[in-house]
Amino acid sequence: MYISYPMVEALKHIEEIDCFKDLCVKYKTNIKYKNLVHTRGLSHLHNFNKYDQIIWNQVILCHLKKMYFIVFDSYVFPQEIIIQSIIFIRQLENFINKVQKVAVLSAFPIFLFDYFGAMQMKNRLVIN
């Protein structure tokens, strides 16, 4: 099972590319997340229909590096698949229990990574 933190909007919730690794939201509070993403997220990410290959690559790369950051505290492209339960446990330990927040992370890029594998994803994306 793949879990998006917090939901589908997490895919387009990037406020600044360089600061995405630290982006978190409160949990157990009605923060009106869809509106928050629309008002604070990068405007070119609002509409999935307007994403081109460059934008998709950027978004996928941000989320994969964030997944690795949540688990290993290093914001780099992962070289191996990380089991969903490990991602959840690290979310719980490092964010929910410590700061009462959830690190924004979309499950869609993780699904692609798990399906295609590290090498094929690396070949598809421009890795910085």
C-alpha atoms as a PDB file:
ATOM      1  CA  MET A   1       0.000   0.000   0.000  1.00  0.00           C
ATOM      2  CA  TYR A   2       1.278   3.471  -0.895  1.00  0.00           C
ATOM      3  CA  ILE A   3       0.472   6.392   1.366  1.00  0.00           C
ATOM      4  CA  SER A   4       0.551   9.992   0.175  1.00  0.00           C
ATOM      5  CA  TYR A   5       1.402  12.461   2.863  1.00  0.00           C
ATOM      6  CA  PRO A   6      -1.101  14.103   3.122  1.00  0.00           C
ATOM      7  CA  MET A   7      -2.969  13.407  -0.189  1.00  0.00           C
ATOM      8  CA  VAL A   8      -2.857  13.780  -3.980  1.00  0.00           C
ATOM      9  CA  GLU A   9      -2.148  17.496  -3.625  1.00  0.00           C
ATOM     10  CA  ALA A  10       1.198  16.572  -2.060  1.00  0.00           C
ATOM     11  CA  LEU A  11       2.441  15.908  -5.602  1.00  0.00           C
ATOM     12  CA  LYS A  12       2.097  19.588  -6.483  1.00  0.00           C
ATOM     13  CA  HIS A  13       2.868  21.050  -3.048  1.00  0.00           C
ATOM     14  CA  ILE A  14       6.293  22.494  -3.651  1.00  0.00           C
ATOM     15  CA  GLU A  15       6.712  26.037  -2.400  1.00  0.00           C
ATOM     16  CA  GLU A  16      10.408  26.339  -3.279  1.00  0.00           C
ATOM     17  CA  ILE A  17      12.447  23.680  -5.044  1.00  0.00           C
ATOM     18  CA  ASP A  18      15.509  24.265  -2.869  1.00  0.00           C
ATOM     19  CA  CYS A  19      13.519  24.056   0.398  1.00  0.00           C
ATOM     20  CA  PHE A  20      11.222  21.128  -0.416  1.00  0.00           C
ATOM     21  CA  LYS A  21      13.102  18.691   1.809  1.00  0.00           C
ATOM     22  CA  ASP A  22      11.957  20.662   4.877  1.00  0.00           C
ATOM     23  CA  LEU A  23       8.337  21.197   3.832  1.00  0.00           C
ATOM     24  CA  CYS A  24       5.909  19.860   6.453  1.00  0.00           C
ATOM     25  CA  VAL A  25       2.287  20.483   7.381  1.00  0.00           C
ATOM     26  CA  LYS A  26       0.391  20.224  10.639  1.00  0.00           C
ATOM     27  CA  TYR A  27      -1.650  17.129  11.226  1.00  0.00           C
ATOM     28  CA  LYS A  28      -4.837  16.578  13.245  1.00  0.00           C
ATOM     29  CA  THR A  29      -5.822  20.121  12.276  1.00  0.00           C
ATOM     30  CA  ASN A  30      -8.047  21.250   9.438  1.00  0.00           C
ATOM     31  CA  ILE A  31      -5.503  23.293   7.527  1.00  0.00           C
ATOM     32  CA  LYS A  32      -7.613  23.326   4.338  1.00  0.00           C
ATOM     33  CA  TYR A  33      -4.782  21.620   2.535  1.00  0.00           C
ATOM     34  CA  LYS A  34      -6.102  21.979  -1.021  1.00  0.00           C
ATOM     35  CA  ASN A  35      -6.370  25.738  -0.552  1.00  0.00           C
ATOM     36  CA  LEU A  36      -2.953  25.889   1.113  1.00  0.00           C
ATOM     37  CA  VAL A  37      -1.354  24.120  -1.855  1.00  0.00           C
ATOM     38  CA  HIS A  38      -3.099  26.461  -4.272  1.00  0.00           C
ATOM     39  CA  THR A  39      -2.040  29.629  -2.443  1.00  0.00           C
ATOM     40  CA  ARG A  40       1.485  28.658  -1.343  1.00  0.00           C
ATOM     41  CA  GLY A  41       2.600  26.140  -3.945  1.00  0.00           C
ATOM     42  CA  LEU A  42       4.467  27.129  -7.088  1.00  0.00           C
ATOM     43  CA  SER A  43       1.886  28.398  -9.570  1.00  0.00           C
ATOM     44  CA  HIS A  44       3.242  26.356 -12.504  1.00  0.00           C
ATOM     45  CA  LEU A  45       2.459  23.181 -10.516  1.00  0.00           C
ATOM     46  CA  HIS A  46      -1.253  23.916  -9.942  1.00  0.00           C
ATOM     47  CA  ASN A  47      -2.557  22.173 -13.055  1.00  0.00           C
ATOM     48  CA  PHE A  48      -1.342  18.652 -13.861  1.00  0.00           C
ATOM     49  CA  ASN A  49      -2.548  19.061 -17.462  1.00  0.00           C
ATOM     50  CA  LYS A  50       0.098  21.724 -18.032  1.00  0.00           C
ATOM     51  CA  TYR A  51       3.021  19.634 -16.794  1.00  0.00           C
ATOM     52  CA  ASP A  52       5.639  18.929 -19.431  1.00  0.00           C
ATOM     53  CA  GLN A  53       8.485  16.402 -19.205  1.00  0.00           C
ATOM     54  CA  ILE A  54      10.767  18.907 -17.450  1.00  0.00           C
ATOM     55  CA  ILE A  55       8.202  19.686 -14.749  1.00  0.00           C
ATOM     56  CA  TRP A  56       7.365  16.001 -14.220  1.00  0.00           C
ATOM     57  CA  ASN A  57      11.070  15.196 -13.886  1.00  0.00           C
ATOM     58  CA  GLN A  58      11.553  17.991 -11.371  1.00  0.00           C
ATOM     59  CA  VAL A  59       8.535  16.996  -9.267  1.00  0.00           C
ATOM     60  CA  ILE A  60       9.390  13.292  -9.296  1.00  0.00           C
ATOM     61  CA  LEU A  61      13.000  13.991  -8.399  1.00  0.00           C
ATOM     62  CA  CYS A  62      12.014  16.273  -5.501  1.00  0.00           C
ATOM     63  CA  HIS A  63       9.714  13.648  -4.019  1.00  0.00           C
ATOM     64  CA  LEU A  64      12.183  10.778  -4.429  1.00  0.00           C
ATOM     65  CA  LYS A  65      14.936  12.783  -2.762  1.00  0.00           C
ATOM     66  CA  LYS A  66      12.484  13.732   0.000  1.00  0.00           C
ATOM     67  CA  MET A  67      11.621  10.062   0.537  1.00  0.00           C
ATOM     68  CA  TYR A  68      15.305   9.324   1.014  1.00  0.00           C
ATOM     69  CA  PHE A  69      15.677  12.352   3.302  1.00  0.00           C
ATOM     70  CA  ILE A  70      12.813  11.184   5.535  1.00  0.00           C
ATOM     71  CA  VAL A  71      14.428   7.774   5.991  1.00  0.00           C
ATOM     72  CA  PHE A  72      18.159   8.546   5.933  1.00  0.00           C
ATOM     73  CA  ASP A  73      18.403  12.316   6.601  1.00  0.00           C
ATOM     74  CA  SER A  74      20.197  12.902   3.305  1.00  0.00           C
ATOM     75  CA  TYR A  75      18.518  14.697   0.398  1.00  0.00           C
ATOM     76  CA  VAL A  76      19.873  12.666  -2.535  1.00  0.00           C
ATOM     77  CA  PHE A  77      18.476  10.431  -5.244  1.00  0.00           C
ATOM     78  CA  PRO A  78      17.809   6.962  -3.791  1.00  0.00           C
ATOM     79  CA  GLN A  79      19.774   4.003  -5.091  1.00  0.00           C
ATOM     80  CA  GLU A  80      17.414   1.348  -3.785  1.00  0.00           C
ATOM     81  CA  ILE A  81      13.753   0.762  -3.075  1.00  0.00           C
ATOM     82  CA  ILE A  82      12.607   1.747   0.412  1.00  0.00           C
ATOM     83  CA  ILE A  83       9.747  -0.252   1.870  1.00  0.00           C
ATOM     84  CA  GLN A  84       6.609   1.816   2.553  1.00  0.00           C
ATOM     85  CA  SER A  85       6.457   0.714   6.189  1.00  0.00           C
ATOM     86  CA  ILE A  86       9.961   2.139   6.758  1.00  0.00           C
ATOM     87  CA  ILE A  87       8.931   5.484   5.264  1.00  0.00           C
ATOM     88  CA  PHE A  88       5.882   5.516   7.532  1.00  0.00           C
ATOM     89  CA  ILE A  89       7.912   4.625  10.636  1.00  0.00           C
ATOM     90  CA  ARG A  90      10.405   7.413   9.908  1.00  0.00           C
ATOM     91  CA  GLN A  91       7.543   9.878   9.332  1.00  0.00           C
ATOM     92  CA  LEU A  92       6.143   8.855  12.695  1.00  0.00           C
ATOM     93  CA  GLU A  93       9.467   9.015  14.558  1.00  0.00           C
ATOM     94  CA  ASN A  94      11.002  12.096  12.984  1.00  0.00           C
ATOM     95  CA  PHE A  95       8.028  14.303  12.217  1.00  0.00           C
ATOM     96  CA  ILE A  96       4.708  13.292  13.747  1.00  0.00           C
ATOM     97  CA  ASN A  97       6.013  12.410  17.200  1.00  0.00           C
ATOM     98  CA  LYS A  98       8.770  15.056  17.327  1.00  0.00           C
ATOM     99  CA  VAL A  99       7.233  18.162  15.766  1.00  0.00           C
ATOM    100  CA  GLN A 100       3.547  17.228  15.355  1.00  0.00           C
ATOM    101  CA  LYS A 101       3.831  17.648  11.596  1.00  0.00           C
ATOM    102  CA  VAL A 102       3.908  15.432   8.522  1.00  0.00           C
ATOM    103  CA  ALA A 103       6.610  15.770   5.893  1.00  0.00           C
ATOM    104  CA  VAL A 104       4.957  16.446   2.521  1.00  0.00           C
ATOM    105  CA  LEU A 105       5.561  13.449   0.277  1.00  0.00           C
ATOM    106  CA  SER A 106       3.624  12.058  -2.663  1.00  0.00           C
ATOM    107  CA  ALA A 107       3.373   8.307  -3.173  1.00  0.00           C
ATOM    108  CA  PHE A 108       3.104   8.574  -6.971  1.00  0.00           C
ATOM    109  CA  PRO A 109       6.828   9.159  -7.654  1.00  0.00           C
ATOM    110  CA  ILE A 110       7.656   6.418  -5.157  1.00  0.00           C
ATOM    111  CA  PHE A 111       5.371   4.008  -6.987  1.00  0.00           C
ATOM    112  CA  LEU A 112       7.160   4.810 -10.267  1.00  0.00           C
ATOM    113  CA  PHE A 113      10.524   4.317  -8.587  1.00  0.00           C
ATOM    114  CA  ASP A 114       9.454   0.968  -7.156  1.00  0.00           C
ATOM    115  CA  TYR A 115       8.022  -0.136 -10.501  1.00  0.00           C
ATOM    116  CA  PHE A 116      10.924   0.921 -12.746  1.00  0.00           C
ATOM    117  CA  GLY A 117      13.793   0.630 -10.264  1.00  0.00           C
ATOM    118  CA  ALA A 118      16.589   3.031  -9.405  1.00  0.00           C
ATOM    119  CA  MET A 119      18.668   2.596 -12.560  1.00  0.00           C
ATOM    120  CA  GLN A 120      15.816   3.007 -15.018  1.00  0.00           C
ATOM    121  CA  MET A 121      14.419   6.021 -13.112  1.00  0.00           C
ATOM    122  CA  LYS A 122      17.863   7.597 -12.997  1.00  0.00           C
ATOM    123  CA  ASN A 123      18.116   7.177 -16.773  1.00  0.00           C
ATOM    124  CA  ARG A 124      14.690   8.805 -17.233  1.00  0.00           C
ATOM    125  CA  LEU A 125      15.363  11.799 -14.984  1.00  0.00           C
ATOM    126  CA  VAL A 126      17.960  14.540 -15.067  1.00  0.00           C
ATOM    127  CA  ILE A 127      19.807  13.983 -11.783  1.00  0.00           C
ATOM    128  CA  ASN A 128      21.649  16.930 -10.235  1.00  0.00           C
END
